[in-house]
Amino acid sequence: MNVPLSILDLSPISAGSTPQQAIRNTIDLARNAEAWGYRRYWVAEHHFVQIASSATTTLIALIAAATNTIRVGSAAVQLGHNTSASVVESFGTIDALYPGRLDLGLGRSPHQSTQARSAGSPPTPTPTRPTEVRDGVVIPAPFAPGQVLDTTRFAAVRTALMLPGAQSIDFAQQVAEIRALLNGTYKTADGIALHAVPGEGADVELWLFGSRSGVSAQLAGQLGLPLAANYHVAPATILETVTAYRESFRPSDRYPEPYLMVSANVVVAEDEPTARHLASTYGHWVYSGRSGAGTAQYLDPDTASPLTDQQQHLVHDRLTTQFVGSPADVAERLTALQQLTGADELVVTSVTHHHEDRLNSHRLLAREWGLQQVRAA
């Protein structure tokens, strides 16, 4: 029997469309995801780019209101520019109306975890480790953050997201604060007890997100929390991330054993040529982010020009690890990823220019994976 399947949605904005339409598309996909039998529907936090899921908590509330049973959550709240109290109070407010359906995913914000070089300095040399295939899963050479062409905009975004003079606190410390606020044991540095209202006692499931074998993966293990490992973002380090999590795991009341979710980027169509065409502008989308310009609108494959060799090189790791093809082919590759990592659950993200193609991608995969439909959609 296949492991559960969930969806990660970035609310992409297609070229020629609007953020408003992207949000409507997200609500529509969430309703269908519930009908098709997906376990969770997560949205990702991004800012000042052509992605409409920036106000993640607000969007989660809208999705919860538009659905009935599917779990809804964040993938992930970026703690670097969110206070512990604001996170717990926001999720507590949604939980008050939709109890027991929320996944509170926590991750480090980019400025906490990315070692980006200054704009104008020489690029970091390309990693020499070759791409390999392990048990049917592509493990590419690592992408070095120093390869980003221009980090000027990165610094501007960080400034815009932080109050003047504000400093991010240690990730582990903030996770501890959030757990304390949820369970009612929070105290300030001088010993004053504070209680999040709403928030304290909220029936939310806490997740940590990790792309490498560092802080997030190890902390999830040490706290006995579930981990979502990002193969779709950092495929080169997936095995190190999984190993770090399992080796550091300590049983908790809720999780006596590790619980691992692994992500993958997929595009499914009735046949491989169609899927390849629909996915042909994914590289453009990734390149727009890695170039330093910020993730752009998703281009129409019918009109977009091919990437140059230099552009292809910058996104090679993401292109070779995207699962594109017929339902049977993509399901086979997902099964290989699950078996290699030992994942207890998979979460897939699918981006296409036309909303109907994205719906069809998730619908075809759900049917091939054997998900049990809740109702006809």
Protein backbone atom coordinates (compact mmCIF):
# COMPACT_ATOMS: atom_id res chain seq x y z
CA MET A 1 0.00 0.00 0.00
CA ASN A 2 1.32 3.45 -0.92
CA VAL A 3 2.12 6.02 1.76
CA PRO A 4 -0.20 9.04 2.11
CA LEU A 5 0.15 11.83 -0.42
CA SER A 6 -0.19 15.56 0.30
CA ILE A 7 0.06 18.81 -1.66
CA LEU A 8 2.38 21.81 -1.28
CA ASP A 9 1.07 24.89 -3.08
CA LEU A 10 2.99 28.09 -3.76
CA SER A 11 -0.01 29.90 -5.31
CA PRO A 12 1.98 30.61 -8.48
CA ILE A 13 0.99 33.59 -10.61
CA SER A 14 0.95 32.76 -14.31
CA ALA A 15 2.14 35.24 -16.93
CA GLY A 16 -0.79 37.42 -17.90
CA SER A 17 -2.74 36.57 -14.74
CA THR A 18 -3.08 38.24 -11.33
CA PRO A 19 -2.41 37.48 -7.65
CA GLN A 20 -6.15 37.53 -7.07
CA GLN A 21 -6.67 34.76 -9.62
CA ALA A 22 -3.78 32.77 -8.16
CA ILE A 23 -5.48 32.78 -4.76
CA ARG A 24 -8.76 31.71 -6.33
CA ASN A 25 -6.86 28.88 -8.03
CA THR A 26 -5.40 27.83 -4.68
CA ILE A 27 -8.84 27.60 -3.10
CA ASP A 28 -10.12 25.63 -6.09
CA LEU A 29 -7.20 23.19 -5.96
CA ALA A 30 -7.60 22.75 -2.20
CA ARG A 31 -11.26 21.80 -2.58
CA ASN A 32 -10.38 19.29 -5.28
CA ALA A 33 -7.42 17.94 -3.29
CA GLU A 34 -9.79 17.13 -0.46
CA ALA A 35 -12.16 15.39 -2.86
CA TRP A 36 -9.34 13.39 -4.46
CA GLY A 37 -8.10 12.03 -1.13
CA TYR A 38 -4.93 14.03 -0.43
CA ARG A 39 -4.11 14.09 3.29
CA ARG A 40 -2.78 17.65 3.70
CA TYR A 41 -2.76 20.93 1.84
CA TRP A 42 0.19 23.15 2.69
CA VAL A 43 1.08 26.64 1.47
CA ALA A 44 4.55 28.18 1.36
CA GLU A 45 5.67 31.59 2.57
CA HIS A 46 7.45 33.80 0.03
CA HIS A 47 7.69 37.58 -0.13
CA PHE A 48 8.01 40.28 -2.82
CA VAL A 49 7.92 37.76 -5.67
CA GLN A 50 5.28 36.58 -8.13
CA ILE A 51 3.87 34.05 -5.70
CA ALA A 52 0.56 34.80 -3.97
CA SER A 53 1.05 32.84 -0.73
CA SER A 54 2.95 35.58 1.12
CA ALA A 55 0.30 36.03 3.85
CA THR A 56 0.46 32.33 4.67
CA THR A 57 -1.63 32.28 7.84
CA THR A 58 -4.42 34.31 6.25
CA LEU A 59 -4.45 31.97 3.27
CA ILE A 60 -4.56 28.93 5.56
CA ALA A 61 -7.68 30.35 7.20
CA LEU A 62 -9.32 30.86 3.81
CA ILE A 63 -8.48 27.30 2.75
CA ALA A 64 -9.76 25.84 6.01
CA ALA A 65 -13.02 27.76 5.55
CA ALA A 66 -13.41 26.47 2.00
CA THR A 67 -12.82 22.80 2.87
CA ASN A 68 -14.13 20.33 5.43
CA THR A 69 -11.70 17.57 6.38
CA ILE A 70 -8.30 17.98 4.74
CA ARG A 71 -5.48 19.11 7.03
CA VAL A 72 -4.20 22.60 6.20
CA GLY A 73 -0.85 24.04 7.10
CA SER A 74 2.27 26.13 6.53
CA ALA A 75 5.32 24.99 4.65
CA ALA A 76 6.70 26.82 6.42
CA VAL A 77 6.27 29.90 8.62
CA GLN A 78 9.59 31.75 8.36
CA LEU A 79 10.56 32.39 11.94
CA GLY A 80 13.22 34.98 11.16
CA HIS A 81 10.63 37.74 10.77
CA ASN A 82 7.69 36.39 12.78
CA THR A 83 7.46 36.58 16.55
CA SER A 84 6.59 33.46 18.51
CA ALA A 85 3.47 35.11 19.94
CA SER A 86 2.15 36.20 16.53
CA VAL A 87 2.58 32.68 15.14
CA VAL A 88 0.78 30.98 18.03
CA GLU A 89 -2.02 33.54 18.28
CA SER A 90 -2.68 33.38 14.52
CA PHE A 91 -2.85 29.60 14.40
CA GLY A 92 -4.84 29.55 17.63
CA THR A 93 -7.40 31.86 16.04
CA ILE A 94 -7.87 29.53 13.05
CA ASP A 95 -7.92 26.45 15.29
CA ALA A 96 -10.76 27.98 17.29
CA LEU A 97 -13.04 27.54 14.28
CA TYR A 98 -11.39 24.54 12.59
CA PRO A 99 -10.00 22.50 15.50
CA GLY A 100 -7.67 19.60 14.88
CA ARG A 101 -7.00 20.36 11.21
CA LEU A 102 -3.91 22.58 11.32
CA ASP A 103 -0.26 21.75 10.67
CA LEU A 104 2.07 24.43 12.00
CA GLY A 105 5.20 24.04 9.91
CA LEU A 106 8.21 26.05 11.08
CA GLY A 107 11.34 26.89 9.12
CA ARG A 108 14.21 29.29 9.14
CA SER A 109 13.85 32.36 6.94
CA PRO A 110 16.34 32.65 4.05
CA HIS A 111 18.56 35.19 5.79
CA GLN A 112 18.98 32.75 8.69
CA SER A 113 20.01 29.78 6.58
CA THR A 114 21.52 30.98 3.30
CA GLN A 115 25.15 31.98 3.06
CA ALA A 116 24.81 34.31 0.11
CA ARG A 117 27.75 36.22 -1.26
CA SER A 118 27.76 39.94 -1.83
CA ALA A 119 26.63 41.20 -5.19
CA GLY A 120 29.53 41.72 -7.58
CA SER A 121 31.92 39.22 -6.01
CA PRO A 122 33.15 36.24 -8.07
CA PRO A 123 30.81 33.25 -8.22
CA THR A 124 31.53 30.22 -6.09
CA PRO A 125 33.13 27.43 -8.16
CA THR A 126 30.71 24.77 -9.31
CA PRO A 127 30.68 21.74 -6.96
CA THR A 128 32.68 18.86 -8.39
CA ARG A 129 30.55 15.98 -7.09
CA PRO A 130 28.84 14.43 -10.11
CA THR A 131 25.15 13.76 -10.42
CA GLU A 132 24.33 10.17 -9.53
CA VAL A 133 21.32 7.91 -9.47
CA ARG A 134 20.65 5.88 -6.32
CA ASP A 135 17.99 3.21 -6.55
CA GLY A 136 16.21 5.16 -9.26
CA VAL A 137 16.46 8.56 -7.53
CA VAL A 138 18.56 11.38 -8.98
CA ILE A 139 20.99 12.91 -6.47
CA PRO A 140 22.56 15.95 -8.18
CA ALA A 141 25.62 17.96 -7.27
CA PRO A 142 24.84 20.50 -4.53
CA PHE A 143 23.76 23.98 -5.51
CA ALA A 144 26.00 26.58 -3.89
CA PRO A 145 24.16 29.74 -2.71
CA GLY A 146 27.19 31.70 -3.90
CA GLN A 147 26.15 30.92 -7.47
CA VAL A 148 23.26 33.40 -7.14
CA LEU A 149 24.08 36.12 -9.63
CA ASP A 150 23.01 39.15 -7.57
CA THR A 151 22.06 39.29 -3.87
CA THR A 152 21.26 43.02 -3.73
CA ARG A 153 17.53 42.34 -3.80
CA PHE A 154 17.91 39.65 -1.14
CA ALA A 155 19.21 42.25 1.33
CA ALA A 156 16.41 44.67 0.45
CA VAL A 157 13.74 42.05 1.11
CA ARG A 158 15.25 41.24 4.49
CA THR A 159 15.17 44.93 5.43
CA ALA A 160 11.53 45.27 4.35
CA LEU A 161 10.42 42.27 6.43
CA MET A 162 12.09 43.37 9.67
CA LEU A 163 11.22 46.26 11.98
CA PRO A 164 14.06 48.80 12.27
CA GLY A 165 16.64 47.50 14.72
CA ALA A 166 14.95 44.11 15.10
CA GLN A 167 17.11 41.01 15.32
CA SER A 168 16.12 37.42 14.68
CA ILE A 169 16.56 35.10 17.63
CA ASP A 170 18.05 31.62 17.57
CA PHE A 171 15.85 29.16 15.66
CA ALA A 172 15.90 26.52 18.41
CA GLN A 173 15.03 29.15 21.01
CA GLN A 174 12.05 30.34 18.99
CA VAL A 175 10.77 26.80 18.46
CA ALA A 176 10.99 26.32 22.23
CA GLU A 177 9.01 29.53 22.77
CA ILE A 178 6.28 28.42 20.38
CA ARG A 179 5.99 25.03 22.06
CA ALA A 180 5.78 26.72 25.47
CA LEU A 181 3.10 29.15 24.29
CA LEU A 182 1.07 26.26 22.88
CA ASN A 183 1.29 24.16 26.05
CA GLY A 184 0.88 27.01 28.54
CA THR A 185 4.36 27.00 30.10
CA TYR A 186 5.77 30.18 28.56
CA LYS A 187 7.65 32.62 30.80
CA THR A 188 9.62 35.74 29.96
CA ALA A 189 13.30 36.06 30.75
CA ASP A 190 12.42 37.67 34.09
CA GLY A 191 9.99 34.88 35.02
CA ILE A 192 6.63 36.42 34.13
CA ALA A 193 4.12 33.86 32.86
CA LEU A 194 2.27 34.84 29.69
CA HIS A 195 -0.58 32.98 28.00
CA ALA A 196 -1.45 33.17 24.32
CA VAL A 197 -5.17 33.89 23.85
CA PRO A 198 -6.18 32.29 21.55
CA GLY A 199 -3.36 29.84 20.97
CA GLU A 200 -2.67 28.10 24.24
CA GLY A 201 -4.00 24.55 24.02
CA ALA A 202 -4.65 24.78 20.26
CA ASP A 203 -4.82 21.36 18.64
CA VAL A 204 -2.15 22.00 16.01
CA GLU A 205 0.46 19.56 14.76
CA LEU A 206 3.98 20.99 14.90
CA TRP A 207 6.41 20.27 12.02
CA LEU A 208 9.94 21.39 11.26
CA PHE A 209 11.24 21.82 7.72
CA GLY A 210 14.78 21.07 6.62
CA SER A 211 16.81 21.20 3.42
CA ARG A 212 20.15 20.13 4.87
CA SER A 213 21.60 18.02 7.67
CA GLY A 214 21.92 21.00 9.98
CA VAL A 215 19.86 22.75 12.63
CA SER A 216 16.31 21.97 11.51
CA ALA A 217 16.72 18.24 10.87
CA GLN A 218 18.66 17.66 14.08
CA LEU A 219 16.30 19.78 16.18
CA ALA A 220 13.24 17.94 14.84
CA GLY A 221 14.86 14.68 15.88
CA GLN A 222 15.92 15.88 19.31
CA LEU A 223 12.40 17.18 20.07
CA GLY A 224 10.63 14.10 18.71
CA LEU A 225 8.82 16.15 16.04
CA PRO A 226 7.95 15.20 12.46
CA LEU A 227 10.25 16.52 9.73
CA ALA A 228 9.45 17.61 6.19
CA ALA A 229 12.60 17.19 4.08
CA ASN A 230 12.80 19.30 0.93
CA TYR A 231 13.91 17.12 -1.98
CA HIS A 232 12.17 19.49 -4.39
CA VAL A 233 14.25 22.46 -3.19
CA ALA A 234 17.54 20.84 -2.13
CA PRO A 235 17.69 17.41 -3.79
CA ALA A 236 21.45 17.09 -3.40
CA THR A 237 21.29 16.91 0.39
CA ILE A 238 18.14 14.85 0.92
CA LEU A 239 19.94 11.75 2.19
CA GLU A 240 22.10 13.73 4.63
CA THR A 241 18.97 15.49 5.92
CA VAL A 242 17.12 12.22 6.47
CA THR A 243 20.12 10.61 8.18
CA ALA A 244 20.63 13.58 10.51
CA TYR A 245 16.97 13.46 11.52
CA ARG A 246 16.90 9.74 12.22
CA GLU A 247 20.21 9.69 14.07
CA SER A 248 19.18 12.56 16.37
CA PHE A 249 15.63 11.33 17.00
CA ARG A 250 14.41 10.98 20.56
CA PRO A 251 10.91 9.54 21.14
CA SER A 252 8.18 11.93 22.27
CA ASP A 253 4.66 11.31 23.58
CA ARG A 254 3.15 12.04 20.18
CA TYR A 255 5.89 10.47 18.07
CA PRO A 256 7.54 7.38 19.56
CA GLU A 257 9.27 6.89 16.20
CA PRO A 258 10.52 9.31 13.52
CA TYR A 259 7.90 10.59 11.11
CA LEU A 260 9.33 11.82 7.83
CA MET A 261 7.71 13.57 4.90
CA VAL A 262 9.67 14.15 1.68
CA SER A 263 8.72 16.67 -1.01
CA ALA A 264 8.88 16.35 -4.79
CA ASN A 265 8.07 18.57 -7.75
CA VAL A 266 5.83 16.83 -10.28
CA VAL A 267 4.01 17.48 -13.53
CA VAL A 268 1.70 14.70 -14.66
CA ALA A 269 -0.24 14.49 -17.91
CA GLU A 270 -1.89 11.72 -19.91
CA ASP A 271 1.37 11.10 -21.77
CA GLU A 272 5.02 12.05 -21.37
CA PRO A 273 5.33 14.45 -24.34
CA THR A 274 2.42 16.51 -23.04
CA ALA A 275 3.86 16.56 -19.52
CA ARG A 276 7.29 17.57 -20.84
CA HIS A 277 5.76 20.47 -22.73
CA LEU A 278 3.77 21.67 -19.70
CA ALA A 279 6.92 21.50 -17.55
CA SER A 280 9.20 23.18 -20.08
CA THR A 281 9.09 26.60 -18.39
CA TYR A 282 9.79 25.30 -14.89
CA GLY A 283 13.48 26.02 -15.42
CA HIS A 284 12.68 29.63 -16.31
CA TRP A 285 10.76 29.95 -13.04
CA VAL A 286 13.59 28.55 -10.93
CA TYR A 287 16.15 30.64 -12.79
CA SER A 288 14.26 33.85 -12.09
CA GLY A 289 14.67 33.19 -8.38
CA ARG A 290 18.27 32.05 -8.51
CA SER A 291 19.33 34.95 -10.71
CA GLY A 292 18.55 37.30 -7.84
CA ALA A 293 15.69 39.02 -9.65
CA GLY A 294 13.02 37.26 -7.60
CA THR A 295 10.69 34.49 -8.73
CA ALA A 296 8.83 35.71 -11.80
CA GLN A 297 5.42 34.86 -13.18
CA TYR A 298 5.17 31.35 -14.59
CA LEU A 299 5.64 31.49 -18.35
CA ASP A 300 3.45 29.95 -21.03
CA PRO A 301 5.31 27.03 -22.64
CA ASP A 302 3.63 27.83 -25.97
CA THR A 303 5.40 31.18 -26.24
CA ALA A 304 8.51 31.11 -24.02
CA SER A 305 11.99 30.97 -25.53
CA PRO A 306 14.31 28.15 -24.38
CA LEU A 307 16.82 28.77 -21.61
CA THR A 308 20.40 29.52 -22.60
CA ASP A 309 23.16 27.04 -21.70
CA GLN A 310 24.25 29.32 -18.84
CA GLN A 311 20.72 29.49 -17.48
CA GLN A 312 20.29 25.73 -17.80
CA HIS A 313 23.49 25.22 -15.82
CA LEU A 314 22.22 27.32 -12.91
CA VAL A 315 19.04 25.23 -12.56
CA HIS A 316 20.36 21.82 -13.59
CA ASP A 317 19.81 20.23 -10.18
CA ARG A 318 16.15 21.24 -10.09
CA LEU A 319 15.42 20.20 -13.66
CA THR A 320 16.93 16.74 -13.32
CA THR A 321 14.96 16.06 -10.13
CA GLN A 322 11.55 17.19 -11.34
CA PHE A 323 9.20 14.23 -11.83
CA VAL A 324 7.58 14.71 -15.23
CA GLY A 325 5.60 12.19 -17.25
CA SER A 326 2.59 9.93 -17.39
CA PRO A 327 0.80 8.95 -14.16
CA ALA A 328 2.49 5.53 -14.07
CA ASP A 329 5.97 6.95 -14.70
CA VAL A 330 5.69 9.66 -12.03
CA ALA A 331 4.19 7.24 -9.51
CA GLU A 332 7.08 4.85 -10.11
CA ARG A 333 9.65 7.60 -9.48
CA LEU A 334 7.82 8.76 -6.36
CA THR A 335 7.82 5.21 -5.07
CA ALA A 336 11.59 5.07 -5.59
CA LEU A 337 12.02 8.33 -3.65
CA GLN A 338 9.85 7.01 -0.83
CA GLN A 339 11.76 3.75 -0.61
CA LEU A 340 15.20 5.39 -0.74
CA THR A 341 14.37 7.88 2.04
CA GLY A 342 12.01 5.69 4.05
CA ALA A 343 9.45 8.51 3.98
CA ASP A 344 6.21 7.96 5.88
CA GLU A 345 4.44 10.42 3.60
CA LEU A 346 5.13 12.35 0.39
CA VAL A 347 4.12 15.91 -0.43
CA VAL A 348 4.05 17.02 -4.06
CA THR A 349 4.03 20.43 -5.66
CA SER A 350 2.98 20.94 -9.26
CA VAL A 351 3.29 24.18 -11.21
CA THR A 352 1.96 24.78 -14.71
CA HIS A 353 0.96 27.88 -16.62
CA HIS A 354 -2.69 26.92 -16.94
CA HIS A 355 -4.64 26.15 -13.79
CA GLU A 356 -6.55 23.38 -15.55
CA ASP A 357 -3.29 21.56 -16.28
CA ARG A 358 -2.25 21.79 -12.63
CA LEU A 359 -5.61 20.40 -11.54
CA ASN A 360 -5.25 17.58 -14.02
CA SER A 361 -1.71 16.81 -12.80
CA HIS A 362 -2.89 16.32 -9.23
CA ARG A 363 -6.05 14.48 -10.29
CA LEU A 364 -4.16 11.97 -12.44
CA LEU A 365 -1.56 11.37 -9.74
CA ALA A 366 -4.20 10.84 -7.06
CA ARG A 367 -5.91 8.23 -9.18
CA GLU A 368 -2.66 6.46 -10.06
CA TRP A 369 -1.49 6.52 -6.44
CA GLY A 370 -4.75 4.90 -5.34
CA LEU A 371 -6.05 7.70 -3.13
CA GLN A 372 -9.58 7.19 -1.94
CA GLN A 373 -11.88 9.88 -3.24
CA VAL A 374 -14.06 11.62 -0.67
CA ARG A 375 -16.61 12.70 -3.26
CA ALA A 376 -16.79 13.35 -7.00
CA ALA A 377 -15.10 16.62 -7.97
